[in-house]
Amino acid sequence: MENLVKTAFNVPTREEVSATNQEIFDALNKALGFVPNLYATIAYSDNGLKRYLDFQNAKTSLSNKEKEAVNLVVSQVNGCVYCLSAHTVLGKMNGFTDEQLLDIRRAKSENAKINALVKLTADLTEKRGKVSADNVEDFFAHGYTKENLVDLIIQISDKTAMNYLHNLTKVPVDFPIASVL
């Protein structure tokens, strides 16, 4: 079904957001050199950006590399070009090659542990939690724990929210566009 939303979603500028969000914009500019368009879009909500960044940056049992693998798979399943583009850049920063990133988006990896992670991630995302027992058992067989499983589901929810936000708003992608599979 095509996005038929008539309301335009422009990327809010610093002057168009609350004082709290202006401070966050300033911090993002200092840390990243820019405010990503999707983060700026969250700033339509006076509380949403801080709330989301606190959620996104909370401690987890997953490594940054594992989080990026999850983010890519979820974004691929949900068809979010913005998040695929952003997490391709972040995936490279976390040590994945271009070929590995494309494989991860296909829910596979030559690394057996990452492979178990991305297979379960795709299954969880596609089937909204009603997954193959084999994928869960494979996840545990590769050294993941129940804590990792909970953190995986939380990571999926983080990325799903951003995928939905971009898929609805279609704000411009401000990262190099990820290749199409």
C-alpha atoms as a PDB file:
ATOM      1  CA  MET A   1       0.000   0.000   0.000  1.00  0.00           C
ATOM      2  CA  GLU A   2       1.415   3.374  -0.987  1.00  0.00           C
ATOM      3  CA  ASN A   3       1.915   6.173   1.544  1.00  0.00           C
ATOM      4  CA  LEU A   4      -1.018   8.525   0.867  1.00  0.00           C
ATOM      5  CA  VAL A   5      -0.441  10.881   3.802  1.00  0.00           C
ATOM      6  CA  LYS A   6      -1.287  14.413   2.675  1.00  0.00           C
ATOM      7  CA  THR A   7       0.388  16.175   5.591  1.00  0.00           C
ATOM      8  CA  ALA A   8       3.943  17.161   4.677  1.00  0.00           C
ATOM      9  CA  PHE A   9       6.661  16.427   7.206  1.00  0.00           C
ATOM     10  CA  ASN A  10       9.442  18.942   6.868  1.00  0.00           C
ATOM     11  CA  VAL A  11      12.539  18.523   8.973  1.00  0.00           C
ATOM     12  CA  PRO A  12      12.173  20.993  11.847  1.00  0.00           C
ATOM     13  CA  THR A  13      14.973  23.507  12.276  1.00  0.00           C
ATOM     14  CA  ARG A  14      16.538  24.362  15.624  1.00  0.00           C
ATOM     15  CA  GLU A  15      14.369  27.483  15.824  1.00  0.00           C
ATOM     16  CA  GLU A  16      11.189  25.437  15.337  1.00  0.00           C
ATOM     17  CA  VAL A  17      11.686  23.061  18.277  1.00  0.00           C
ATOM     18  CA  SER A  18      11.359  23.436  22.047  1.00  0.00           C
ATOM     19  CA  ALA A  19      14.173  24.809  24.200  1.00  0.00           C
ATOM     20  CA  THR A  20      14.897  21.299  25.473  1.00  0.00           C
ATOM     21  CA  ASN A  21      15.206  19.991  21.930  1.00  0.00           C
ATOM     22  CA  GLN A  22      17.369  22.980  20.965  1.00  0.00           C
ATOM     23  CA  GLU A  23      19.852  21.889  23.648  1.00  0.00           C
ATOM     24  CA  ILE A  24      19.785  18.355  22.266  1.00  0.00           C
ATOM     25  CA  PHE A  25      20.322  19.681  18.726  1.00  0.00           C
ATOM     26  CA  ASP A  26      23.356  21.597  20.010  1.00  0.00           C
ATOM     27  CA  ALA A  27      24.742  18.453  21.682  1.00  0.00           C
ATOM     28  CA  LEU A  28      24.166  16.392  18.530  1.00  0.00           C
ATOM     29  CA  ASN A  29      25.867  19.051  16.403  1.00  0.00           C
ATOM     30  CA  LYS A  30      28.841  18.990  18.770  1.00  0.00           C
ATOM     31  CA  ALA A  31      29.048  15.170  18.849  1.00  0.00           C
ATOM     32  CA  LEU A  32      28.167  14.310  15.233  1.00  0.00           C
ATOM     33  CA  GLY A  33      28.676  17.545  13.327  1.00  0.00           C
ATOM     34  CA  PHE A  34      24.990  17.611  12.343  1.00  0.00           C
ATOM     35  CA  VAL A  35      21.510  16.677  13.525  1.00  0.00           C
ATOM     36  CA  PRO A  36      20.297  13.657  11.542  1.00  0.00           C
ATOM     37  CA  ASN A  37      16.979  14.436   9.861  1.00  0.00           C
ATOM     38  CA  LEU A  38      15.168  11.573  11.559  1.00  0.00           C
ATOM     39  CA  TYR A  39      16.292  12.788  15.006  1.00  0.00           C
ATOM     40  CA  ALA A  40      15.151  16.286  14.089  1.00  0.00           C
ATOM     41  CA  THR A  41      11.776  14.844  13.080  1.00  0.00           C
ATOM     42  CA  ILE A  42      11.403  13.248  16.507  1.00  0.00           C
ATOM     43  CA  ALA A  43      11.759  16.794  17.885  1.00  0.00           C
ATOM     44  CA  TYR A  44       8.197  17.542  16.746  1.00  0.00           C
ATOM     45  CA  SER A  45       7.520  16.078  20.192  1.00  0.00           C
ATOM     46  CA  ASP A  46       8.770  18.211  23.088  1.00  0.00           C
ATOM     47  CA  ASN A  47       9.716  15.042  24.996  1.00  0.00           C
ATOM     48  CA  GLY A  48      10.218  12.502  22.227  1.00  0.00           C
ATOM     49  CA  LEU A  49      13.826  13.199  21.254  1.00  0.00           C
ATOM     50  CA  LYS A  50      15.251  13.022  24.789  1.00  0.00           C
ATOM     51  CA  ARG A  51      13.118   9.988  25.540  1.00  0.00           C
ATOM     52  CA  TYR A  52      14.251   8.226  22.373  1.00  0.00           C
ATOM     53  CA  LEU A  53      17.947   9.054  22.796  1.00  0.00           C
ATOM     54  CA  ASP A  54      17.858   7.840  26.412  1.00  0.00           C
ATOM     55  CA  PHE A  55      16.253   4.597  25.188  1.00  0.00           C
ATOM     56  CA  GLN A  56      18.664   4.196  22.284  1.00  0.00           C
ATOM     57  CA  ASN A  57      21.747   4.875  24.396  1.00  0.00           C
ATOM     58  CA  ALA A  58      20.771   2.715  27.380  1.00  0.00           C
ATOM     59  CA  LYS A  59      23.093  -0.118  28.408  1.00  0.00           C
ATOM     60  CA  THR A  60      22.592  -3.445  26.671  1.00  0.00           C
ATOM     61  CA  SER A  61      24.214  -6.865  26.657  1.00  0.00           C
ATOM     62  CA  LEU A  62      24.626  -6.642  22.870  1.00  0.00           C
ATOM     63  CA  SER A  63      27.863  -5.259  21.423  1.00  0.00           C
ATOM     64  CA  ASN A  64      27.760  -2.252  19.106  1.00  0.00           C
ATOM     65  CA  LYS A  65      28.520  -4.587  16.195  1.00  0.00           C
ATOM     66  CA  GLU A  66      25.609  -6.852  17.153  1.00  0.00           C
ATOM     67  CA  LYS A  67      23.303  -3.832  17.545  1.00  0.00           C
ATOM     68  CA  GLU A  68      24.218  -2.650  14.039  1.00  0.00           C
ATOM     69  CA  ALA A  69      23.530  -6.120  12.624  1.00  0.00           C
ATOM     70  CA  VAL A  70      20.102  -6.071  14.281  1.00  0.00           C
ATOM     71  CA  ASN A  71      19.415  -2.520  13.065  1.00  0.00           C
ATOM     72  CA  LEU A  72      20.215  -3.505   9.473  1.00  0.00           C
ATOM     73  CA  VAL A  73      18.059  -6.629   9.465  1.00  0.00           C
ATOM     74  CA  VAL A  74      15.076  -4.867  11.035  1.00  0.00           C
ATOM     75  CA  SER A  75      15.388  -1.935   8.637  1.00  0.00           C
ATOM     76  CA  GLN A  76      15.612  -4.318   5.676  1.00  0.00           C
ATOM     77  CA  VAL A  77      12.514  -6.235   6.771  1.00  0.00           C
ATOM     78  CA  ASN A  78      10.627  -2.983   7.382  1.00  0.00           C
ATOM     79  CA  GLY A  79      11.810  -1.403   4.115  1.00  0.00           C
ATOM     80  CA  CYS A  80      13.283   1.747   5.697  1.00  0.00           C
ATOM     81  CA  VAL A  81      15.796   3.370   3.351  1.00  0.00           C
ATOM     82  CA  TYR A  82      16.743   6.018   5.921  1.00  0.00           C
ATOM     83  CA  CYS A  83      17.740   3.505   8.593  1.00  0.00           C
ATOM     84  CA  LEU A  84      19.388   1.174   6.080  1.00  0.00           C
ATOM     85  CA  SER A  85      21.494   4.106   4.903  1.00  0.00           C
ATOM     86  CA  ALA A  86      22.407   5.325   8.398  1.00  0.00           C
ATOM     87  CA  HIS A  87      23.216   1.853   9.714  1.00  0.00           C
ATOM     88  CA  THR A  88      25.276   0.954   6.673  1.00  0.00           C
ATOM     89  CA  VAL A  89      27.554   3.858   7.645  1.00  0.00           C
ATOM     90  CA  LEU A  90      27.494   2.830  11.315  1.00  0.00           C
ATOM     91  CA  GLY A  91      28.038  -0.827  10.416  1.00  0.00           C
ATOM     92  CA  LYS A  92      31.212   0.115   8.523  1.00  0.00           C
ATOM     93  CA  MET A  93      32.329   2.176  11.516  1.00  0.00           C
ATOM     94  CA  ASN A  94      31.872  -0.965  13.640  1.00  0.00           C
ATOM     95  CA  GLY A  95      34.061  -3.123  11.409  1.00  0.00           C
ATOM     96  CA  PHE A  96      31.728  -4.724   8.869  1.00  0.00           C
ATOM     97  CA  THR A  97      32.745  -4.798   5.198  1.00  0.00           C
ATOM     98  CA  ASP A  98      30.370  -3.822   2.381  1.00  0.00           C
ATOM     99  CA  GLU A  99      29.858  -7.510   1.527  1.00  0.00           C
ATOM    100  CA  GLN A 100      29.172  -8.423   5.163  1.00  0.00           C
ATOM    101  CA  LEU A 101      26.642  -5.599   5.444  1.00  0.00           C
ATOM    102  CA  LEU A 102      24.750  -6.840   2.387  1.00  0.00           C
ATOM    103  CA  ASP A 103      24.766 -10.397   3.751  1.00  0.00           C
ATOM    104  CA  ILE A 104      23.470  -9.189   7.119  1.00  0.00           C
ATOM    105  CA  ARG A 105      20.610  -7.396   5.374  1.00  0.00           C
ATOM    106  CA  ARG A 106      19.791 -10.799   3.817  1.00  0.00           C
ATOM    107  CA  ALA A 107      19.777 -12.248   7.376  1.00  0.00           C
ATOM    108  CA  LYS A 108      22.948 -14.270   6.953  1.00  0.00           C
ATOM    109  CA  SER A 109      26.584 -14.052   7.989  1.00  0.00           C
ATOM    110  CA  GLU A 110      29.720 -16.164   7.625  1.00  0.00           C
ATOM    111  CA  ASN A 111      30.252 -15.593  11.353  1.00  0.00           C
ATOM    112  CA  ALA A 112      28.149 -18.356  12.962  1.00  0.00           C
ATOM    113  CA  LYS A 113      27.223 -16.293  16.040  1.00  0.00           C
ATOM    114  CA  ILE A 114      26.171 -13.229  14.002  1.00  0.00           C
ATOM    115  CA  ASN A 115      24.313 -15.587  11.641  1.00  0.00           C
ATOM    116  CA  ALA A 116      22.247 -16.959  14.541  1.00  0.00           C
ATOM    117  CA  LEU A 117      21.543 -13.392  15.673  1.00  0.00           C
ATOM    118  CA  VAL A 118      20.419 -12.073  12.284  1.00  0.00           C
ATOM    119  CA  LYS A 119      18.294 -15.138  11.479  1.00  0.00           C
ATOM    120  CA  LEU A 120      16.410 -14.759  14.757  1.00  0.00           C
ATOM    121  CA  THR A 121      16.142 -10.978  14.266  1.00  0.00           C
ATOM    122  CA  ALA A 122      14.566 -11.408  10.826  1.00  0.00           C
ATOM    123  CA  ASP A 123      12.200 -14.070  12.164  1.00  0.00           C
ATOM    124  CA  LEU A 124      11.166 -11.916  15.149  1.00  0.00           C
ATOM    125  CA  THR A 125      10.596  -8.867  12.957  1.00  0.00           C
ATOM    126  CA  GLU A 126       8.750 -10.634  10.134  1.00  0.00           C
ATOM    127  CA  LYS A 127       6.549 -12.730  12.436  1.00  0.00           C
ATOM    128  CA  ARG A 128       6.111 -10.149  15.220  1.00  0.00           C
ATOM    129  CA  GLY A 129       7.565 -12.433  17.873  1.00  0.00           C
ATOM    130  CA  LYS A 130       5.983 -15.714  16.806  1.00  0.00           C
ATOM    131  CA  VAL A 131       9.242 -17.336  15.736  1.00  0.00           C
ATOM    132  CA  SER A 132      10.676 -20.689  14.784  1.00  0.00           C
ATOM    133  CA  ALA A 133      11.828 -22.642  17.839  1.00  0.00           C
ATOM    134  CA  ASP A 134      14.848 -23.730  15.783  1.00  0.00           C
ATOM    135  CA  ASN A 135      15.995 -20.107  15.391  1.00  0.00           C
ATOM    136  CA  VAL A 136      15.671 -19.515  19.140  1.00  0.00           C
ATOM    137  CA  GLU A 137      17.594 -22.689  19.974  1.00  0.00           C
ATOM    138  CA  ASP A 138      20.282 -21.825  17.411  1.00  0.00           C
ATOM    139  CA  PHE A 139      20.612 -18.382  19.034  1.00  0.00           C
ATOM    140  CA  PHE A 140      21.204 -19.987  22.440  1.00  0.00           C
ATOM    141  CA  ALA A 141      23.488 -22.673  20.973  1.00  0.00           C
ATOM    142  CA  HIS A 142      25.810 -19.915  19.733  1.00  0.00           C
ATOM    143  CA  GLY A 143      26.357 -18.524  23.214  1.00  0.00           C
ATOM    144  CA  TYR A 144      23.574 -16.008  23.524  1.00  0.00           C
ATOM    145  CA  THR A 145      21.636 -15.831  26.797  1.00  0.00           C
ATOM    146  CA  LYS A 146      18.109 -14.994  27.904  1.00  0.00           C
ATOM    147  CA  GLU A 147      19.417 -11.516  28.743  1.00  0.00           C
ATOM    148  CA  ASN A 148      20.643 -11.196  25.142  1.00  0.00           C
ATOM    149  CA  LEU A 149      17.220 -12.313  23.899  1.00  0.00           C
ATOM    150  CA  VAL A 150      15.447  -9.622  25.917  1.00  0.00           C
ATOM    151  CA  ASP A 151      17.956  -7.005  24.751  1.00  0.00           C
ATOM    152  CA  LEU A 152      17.507  -8.193  21.153  1.00  0.00           C
ATOM    153  CA  ILE A 153      13.749  -7.638  21.362  1.00  0.00           C
ATOM    154  CA  ILE A 154      14.305  -4.182  22.879  1.00  0.00           C
ATOM    155  CA  GLN A 155      16.758  -3.359  20.062  1.00  0.00           C
ATOM    156  CA  ILE A 156      14.200  -4.493  17.487  1.00  0.00           C
ATOM    157  CA  SER A 157      11.600  -2.218  19.087  1.00  0.00           C
ATOM    158  CA  ASP A 158      14.024   0.740  18.958  1.00  0.00           C
ATOM    159  CA  LYS A 159      14.684   0.275  15.257  1.00  0.00           C
ATOM    160  CA  THR A 160      11.074  -0.557  14.378  1.00  0.00           C
ATOM    161  CA  ALA A 161       9.948   2.779  15.858  1.00  0.00           C
ATOM    162  CA  MET A 162      12.440   4.682  13.706  1.00  0.00           C
ATOM    163  CA  ASN A 163      11.570   2.614  10.617  1.00  0.00           C
ATOM    164  CA  TYR A 164       7.901   3.433  11.094  1.00  0.00           C
ATOM    165  CA  LEU A 165       8.644   7.123  11.649  1.00  0.00           C
ATOM    166  CA  HIS A 166      10.631   7.393   8.428  1.00  0.00           C
ATOM    167  CA  ASN A 167       8.321   5.176   6.387  1.00  0.00           C
ATOM    168  CA  LEU A 168       5.466   7.512   7.326  1.00  0.00           C
ATOM    169  CA  THR A 169       7.197  10.910   7.172  1.00  0.00           C
ATOM    170  CA  LYS A 170       9.600  10.269   4.269  1.00  0.00           C
ATOM    171  CA  VAL A 171      11.962  13.006   5.489  1.00  0.00           C
ATOM    172  CA  PRO A 172      15.078  13.319   3.310  1.00  0.00           C
ATOM    173  CA  VAL A 173      17.855  10.788   3.891  1.00  0.00           C
ATOM    174  CA  ASP A 174      21.002  12.628   4.972  1.00  0.00           C
ATOM    175  CA  PHE A 175      23.389   9.661   4.693  1.00  0.00           C
ATOM    176  CA  PRO A 176      24.776   8.007   1.560  1.00  0.00           C
ATOM    177  CA  ILE A 177      21.854   5.961   0.207  1.00  0.00           C
ATOM    178  CA  ALA A 178      22.168   2.246   0.906  1.00  0.00           C
ATOM    179  CA  SER A 179      22.178  -0.023  -2.115  1.00  0.00           C
ATOM    180  CA  VAL A 180      19.001  -1.856  -3.050  1.00  0.00           C
ATOM    181  CA  LEU A 181      19.002  -5.624  -2.582  1.00  0.00           C
END
